[in-house]
C-alpha atoms as a PDB file:
ATOM      1  CA  MET A   1      41.599 -13.091  34.508  1.00  0.00           C
ATOM      2  CA  LYS A   2      44.655 -12.678  32.311  1.00  0.00           C
ATOM      3  CA  TRP A   3      44.244 -13.463  28.594  1.00  0.00           C
ATOM      4  CA  ALA A   4      46.983 -14.424  26.200  1.00  0.00           C
ATOM      5  CA  PRO A   5      47.752 -11.688  23.598  1.00  0.00           C
ATOM      6  CA  SER A   6      46.301 -13.788  20.748  1.00  0.00           C
ATOM      7  CA  VAL A   7      42.971 -14.226  22.624  1.00  0.00           C
ATOM      8  CA  ARG A   8      42.825 -10.488  23.442  1.00  0.00           C
ATOM      9  CA  ALA A   9      43.350  -9.735  19.728  1.00  0.00           C
ATOM     10  CA  LEU A  10      40.246 -11.796  18.902  1.00  0.00           C
ATOM     11  CA  ILE A  11      38.003 -10.555  21.727  1.00  0.00           C
ATOM     12  CA  PHE A  12      38.361  -6.828  20.976  1.00  0.00           C
ATOM     13  CA  PRO A  13      37.110  -6.935  17.306  1.00  0.00           C
ATOM     14  CA  ILE A  14      34.268  -9.291  18.267  1.00  0.00           C
ATOM     15  CA  THR A  15      33.221  -6.875  21.025  1.00  0.00           C
ATOM     16  CA  LEU A  16      33.249  -3.950  18.563  1.00  0.00           C
ATOM     17  CA  VAL A  17      31.135  -5.840  16.025  1.00  0.00           C
ATOM     18  CA  ALA A  18      28.667  -6.908  18.730  1.00  0.00           C
ATOM     19  CA  ALA A  19      28.379  -3.296  19.964  1.00  0.00           C
ATOM     20  CA  TRP A  20      27.815  -2.024  16.409  1.00  0.00           C
ATOM     21  CA  LEU A  21      25.140  -4.652  15.731  1.00  0.00           C
ATOM     22  CA  ALA A  22      23.363  -3.748  18.955  1.00  0.00           C
ATOM     23  CA  THR A  23      23.061  -0.075  17.917  1.00  0.00           C
ATOM     24  CA  ALA A  24      22.682  -0.406  14.132  1.00  0.00           C
ATOM     25  CA  SER A  25      19.269  -0.053  12.518  1.00  0.00           C
ATOM     26  CA  VAL A  26      19.553  -3.156  10.361  1.00  0.00           C
ATOM     27  CA  SER A  27      17.029  -5.961  10.203  1.00  0.00           C
ATOM     28  CA  HIS A  28      17.797  -9.516  11.279  1.00  0.00           C
ATOM     29  CA  SER A  29      17.586 -10.753   7.664  1.00  0.00           C
ATOM     30  CA  GLN A  30      20.005  -8.023   6.530  1.00  0.00           C
ATOM     31  CA  ILE A  31      22.506  -9.005   9.243  1.00  0.00           C
ATOM     32  CA  ALA A  32      22.233 -12.665   8.235  1.00  0.00           C
ATOM     33  CA  SER A  33      22.679 -11.761   4.583  1.00  0.00           C
ATOM     34  CA  ILE A  34      25.696  -9.532   5.285  1.00  0.00           C
ATOM     35  CA  ALA A  35      27.219 -12.292   7.418  1.00  0.00           C
ATOM     36  CA  ARG A  36      26.832 -14.670   4.464  1.00  0.00           C
ATOM     37  CA  GLY A  37      28.476 -12.077   2.218  1.00  0.00           C
ATOM     38  CA  GLY A  38      25.378 -11.802   0.019  1.00  0.00           C
ATOM     39  CA  GLU A  39      22.687  -9.399  -0.987  1.00  0.00           C
ATOM     40  CA  PRO A  40      19.799  -8.482   1.343  1.00  0.00           C
ATOM     41  CA  ASP A  41      16.883 -10.912   1.483  1.00  0.00           C
ATOM     42  CA  ALA A  42      14.172  -8.287   1.930  1.00  0.00           C
ATOM     43  CA  VAL A  43      13.190  -5.403  -0.334  1.00  0.00           C
ATOM     44  CA  ASN A  44      11.161  -2.467   1.002  1.00  0.00           C
ATOM     45  CA  LEU A  45       8.760  -1.122  -1.602  1.00  0.00           C
ATOM     46  CA  GLN A  46       6.781   2.098  -1.806  1.00  0.00           C
ATOM     47  CA  ILE A  47       3.791   1.632  -4.116  1.00  0.00           C
ATOM     48  CA  LYS A  48       1.906   4.671  -5.418  1.00  0.00           C
ATOM     49  CA  VAL A  49      -1.312   4.205  -7.390  1.00  0.00           C
ATOM     50  CA  ILE A  50      -1.862   7.280  -9.555  1.00  0.00           C
ATOM     51  CA  LYS A  51      -4.766   8.516 -11.696  1.00  0.00           C
ATOM     52  CA  ALA A  52      -3.383  10.284 -14.765  1.00  0.00           C
ATOM     53  CA  SER A  53      -5.712  12.425 -16.882  1.00  0.00           C
ATOM     54  CA  ASN A  54      -5.992  15.619 -18.894  1.00  0.00           C
ATOM     55  CA  ASP A  55      -8.368  17.475 -16.596  1.00  0.00           C
ATOM     56  CA  GLY A  56      -5.917  20.356 -16.088  1.00  0.00           C
ATOM     57  CA  SER A  57      -5.482  19.998 -12.322  1.00  0.00           C
ATOM     58  CA  GLY A  58      -1.672  19.542 -12.386  1.00  0.00           C
ATOM     59  CA  VAL A  59       0.399  17.264 -10.150  1.00  0.00           C
ATOM     60  CA  ASP A  60      -0.746  16.249  -6.667  1.00  0.00           C
ATOM     61  CA  ASN A  61       1.700  17.544  -4.000  1.00  0.00           C
ATOM     62  CA  ALA A  62       2.125  13.966  -2.743  1.00  0.00           C
ATOM     63  CA  LEU A  63       3.693  13.124  -6.131  1.00  0.00           C
ATOM     64  CA  ASP A  64       6.333  15.880  -6.222  1.00  0.00           C
ATOM     65  CA  ASP A  65       9.107  13.266  -6.082  1.00  0.00           C
ATOM     66  CA  LEU A  66       7.834  11.831  -9.407  1.00  0.00           C
ATOM     67  CA  LYS A  67       7.048  15.121 -11.174  1.00  0.00           C
ATOM     68  CA  ASP A  68      10.100  14.970 -13.487  1.00  0.00           C
ATOM     69  CA  ARG A  69       9.197  11.431 -14.541  1.00  0.00           C
ATOM     70  CA  PHE A  70       5.794  12.598 -15.795  1.00  0.00           C
ATOM     71  CA  ALA A  71       7.301  15.097 -18.275  1.00  0.00           C
ATOM     72  CA  ASN A  72       7.315  12.665 -21.223  1.00  0.00           C
ATOM     73  CA  LEU A  73       3.836  11.245 -20.613  1.00  0.00           C
ATOM     74  CA  LYS A  74       0.715  12.379 -22.468  1.00  0.00           C
ATOM     75  CA  PHE A  75      -1.188  13.641 -19.405  1.00  0.00           C
ATOM     76  CA  ASP A  76      -1.254  16.997 -17.621  1.00  0.00           C
ATOM     77  CA  SER A  77      -2.815  15.866 -14.317  1.00  0.00           C
ATOM     78  CA  TYR A  78      -1.640  13.289 -11.777  1.00  0.00           C
ATOM     79  CA  ARG A  79      -3.538  12.487  -8.571  1.00  0.00           C
ATOM     80  CA  LEU A  80      -2.424  10.052  -5.854  1.00  0.00           C
ATOM     81  CA  VAL A  81      -5.115   7.393  -5.358  1.00  0.00           C
ATOM     82  CA  GLU A  82      -3.279   5.214  -2.831  1.00  0.00           C
ATOM     83  CA  SER A  83       0.154   4.866  -1.275  1.00  0.00           C
ATOM     84  CA  ARG A  84       1.325   1.651   0.396  1.00  0.00           C
ATOM     85  CA  LYS A  85       4.537   0.290   1.838  1.00  0.00           C
ATOM     86  CA  LEU A  86       5.323  -3.397   1.386  1.00  0.00           C
ATOM     87  CA  THR A  87       8.271  -5.595   2.234  1.00  0.00           C
ATOM     88  CA  LEU A  88       8.973  -8.464  -0.146  1.00  0.00           C
ATOM     89  CA  GLY A  89      11.110 -11.426   0.766  1.00  0.00           C
ATOM     90  CA  PRO A  90      11.906 -14.625  -1.128  1.00  0.00           C
ATOM     91  CA  SER A  91       8.539 -16.250  -0.318  1.00  0.00           C
ATOM     92  CA  ILE A  92       6.312 -13.211   0.299  1.00  0.00           C
ATOM     93  CA  VAL A  93       3.694 -12.061  -2.205  1.00  0.00           C
ATOM     94  CA  GLY A  94       2.692  -8.397  -2.036  1.00  0.00           C
ATOM     95  CA  THR A  95      -0.801  -7.419  -3.153  1.00  0.00           C
ATOM     96  CA  VAL A  96      -2.292  -3.983  -3.857  1.00  0.00           C
ATOM     97  CA  GLY A  97      -5.873  -3.364  -4.915  1.00  0.00           C
ATOM     98  CA  LEU A  98      -6.317  -1.146  -7.970  1.00  0.00           C
ATOM     99  CA  PRO A  99      -9.339   0.710  -9.330  1.00  0.00           C
ATOM    100  CA  ASN A 100     -11.797  -1.207 -11.539  1.00  0.00           C
ATOM    101  CA  ASN A 101     -11.440  -4.315  -9.336  1.00  0.00           C
ATOM    102  CA  LYS A 102      -7.917  -5.052 -10.605  1.00  0.00           C
ATOM    103  CA  VAL A 103      -5.203  -6.484  -8.349  1.00  0.00           C
ATOM    104  CA  LEU A 104      -1.455  -5.932  -8.547  1.00  0.00           C
ATOM    105  CA  GLN A 105       0.687  -8.807  -7.219  1.00  0.00           C
ATOM    106  CA  MET A 106       4.446  -8.690  -6.707  1.00  0.00           C
ATOM    107  CA  ARG A 107       6.847 -11.528  -6.051  1.00  0.00           C
ATOM    108  CA  GLN A 108      10.530 -11.033  -5.354  1.00  0.00           C
ATOM    109  CA  VAL A 109      12.624 -13.336  -7.459  1.00  0.00           C
ATOM    110  CA  ARG A 110      16.007 -12.364  -6.026  1.00  0.00           C
ATOM    111  CA  VAL A 111      18.395  -9.544  -5.202  1.00  0.00           C
ATOM    112  CA  ASP A 112      21.713  -9.734  -7.003  1.00  0.00           C
ATOM    113  CA  HIS A 113      24.339  -7.360  -8.353  1.00  0.00           C
ATOM    114  CA  GLY A 114      22.650  -4.461  -6.532  1.00  0.00           C
ATOM    115  CA  ARG A 115      19.259  -4.962  -8.207  1.00  0.00           C
ATOM    116  CA  ALA A 116      15.951  -6.257  -6.876  1.00  0.00           C
ATOM    117  CA  ARG A 117      14.398  -8.526  -9.482  1.00  0.00           C
ATOM    118  CA  MET A 118      10.704  -9.245  -9.157  1.00  0.00           C
ATOM    119  CA  THR A 119       7.630 -10.191 -11.113  1.00  0.00           C
ATOM    120  CA  VAL A 120       4.617  -7.901 -11.204  1.00  0.00           C
ATOM    121  CA  THR A 121       1.238  -9.228 -12.289  1.00  0.00           C
ATOM    122  CA  VAL A 122      -1.893  -7.234 -13.094  1.00  0.00           C
ATOM    123  CA  SER A 123      -4.814  -9.352 -14.259  1.00  0.00           C
ATOM    124  CA  ASP A 124      -3.191 -11.778 -16.688  1.00  0.00           C
ATOM    125  CA  VAL A 125      -0.230  -9.571 -17.605  1.00  0.00           C
ATOM    126  CA  LEU A 126       3.122 -10.650 -16.136  1.00  0.00           C
ATOM    127  CA  LEU A 127       5.994  -8.157 -16.098  1.00  0.00           C
ATOM    128  CA  LYS A 128       9.586  -8.657 -15.005  1.00  0.00           C
ATOM    129  CA  VAL A 129      10.947  -5.645 -13.142  1.00  0.00           C
ATOM    130  CA  SER A 130      14.533  -4.929 -12.103  1.00  0.00           C
ATOM    131  CA  LEU A 131      15.146  -2.024  -9.719  1.00  0.00           C
ATOM    132  CA  ALA A 132      18.357  -0.601  -8.325  1.00  0.00           C
ATOM    133  CA  ASN A 133      18.432   0.403  -4.671  1.00  0.00           C
ATOM    134  CA  GLY A 134      16.540   3.714  -4.510  1.00  0.00           C
ATOM    135  CA  GLY A 135      15.160   3.220  -8.030  1.00  0.00           C
ATOM    136  CA  THR A 136      11.618   3.733  -9.276  1.00  0.00           C
ATOM    137  CA  VAL A 137       9.662   2.316 -12.207  1.00  0.00           C
ATOM    138  CA  ILE A 138       6.298   3.628 -13.404  1.00  0.00           C
ATOM    139  CA  LEU A 139       3.913   1.122 -14.970  1.00  0.00           C
ATOM    140  CA  GLY A 140       0.808   2.189 -16.842  1.00  0.00           C
ATOM    141  CA  GLY A 141      -1.873   1.098 -19.233  1.00  0.00           C
ATOM    142  CA  LEU A 142      -4.938   0.463 -17.079  1.00  0.00           C
ATOM    143  CA  ASP A 143      -7.916   2.437 -18.346  1.00  0.00           C
ATOM    144  CA  ALA A 144      -9.694   4.737 -15.918  1.00  0.00           C
ATOM    145  CA  ASN A 145     -12.525   7.205 -16.407  1.00  0.00           C
ATOM    146  CA  ASN A 146     -11.069   9.799 -18.796  1.00  0.00           C
ATOM    147  CA  GLY A 147      -7.503   8.741 -18.057  1.00  0.00           C
ATOM    148  CA  GLU A 148      -5.190   5.972 -17.031  1.00  0.00           C
ATOM    149  CA  ILE A 149      -4.008   4.290 -13.833  1.00  0.00           C
ATOM    150  CA  LEU A 150      -0.244   4.375 -13.272  1.00  0.00           C
ATOM    151  CA  VAL A 151       1.648   2.450 -10.611  1.00  0.00           C
ATOM    152  CA  ALA A 152       4.979   3.787  -9.313  1.00  0.00           C
ATOM    153  CA  ILE A 153       7.127   1.168  -7.557  1.00  0.00           C
ATOM    154  CA  SER A 154      10.188   2.353  -5.600  1.00  0.00           C
ATOM    155  CA  ALA A 155      12.673  -0.043  -3.965  1.00  0.00           C
ATOM    156  CA  ASN A 156      15.013   0.311  -0.990  1.00  0.00           C
ATOM    157  CA  PHE A 157      17.200  -2.497   0.310  1.00  0.00           C
END
């Protein structure tokens, strides 16, 4: 079949985009968001629950990526209690159990201007968190036996 030059000009770029989409490791929601010209709908979170204390045991090897962030805190020991991966979308609530029967809940509010904006609730305390892609925030303040529970939240989108 012979195509007019203007039709051939349209078919070739569409074929390239279709081939790229077939091999790219991008989620369906990310493709839809990119097609709309917007920010991604989903945010992948890494949640680390940490016991901080002054028992002299140093930093758990599983927390090496956060070691520099601990420098200004009042503790000398950091132990990983739990590590979880969650994906938050516009209507998804993420929940992580904490020591002392506490529960951490996260709700994504939106992603705009390169930042994931979400609410984080522990007990009756509501926090608003804004994370850049690849960013991490460390929340603390929950008492633990001879120390404190910290929660590190890292975002990728």
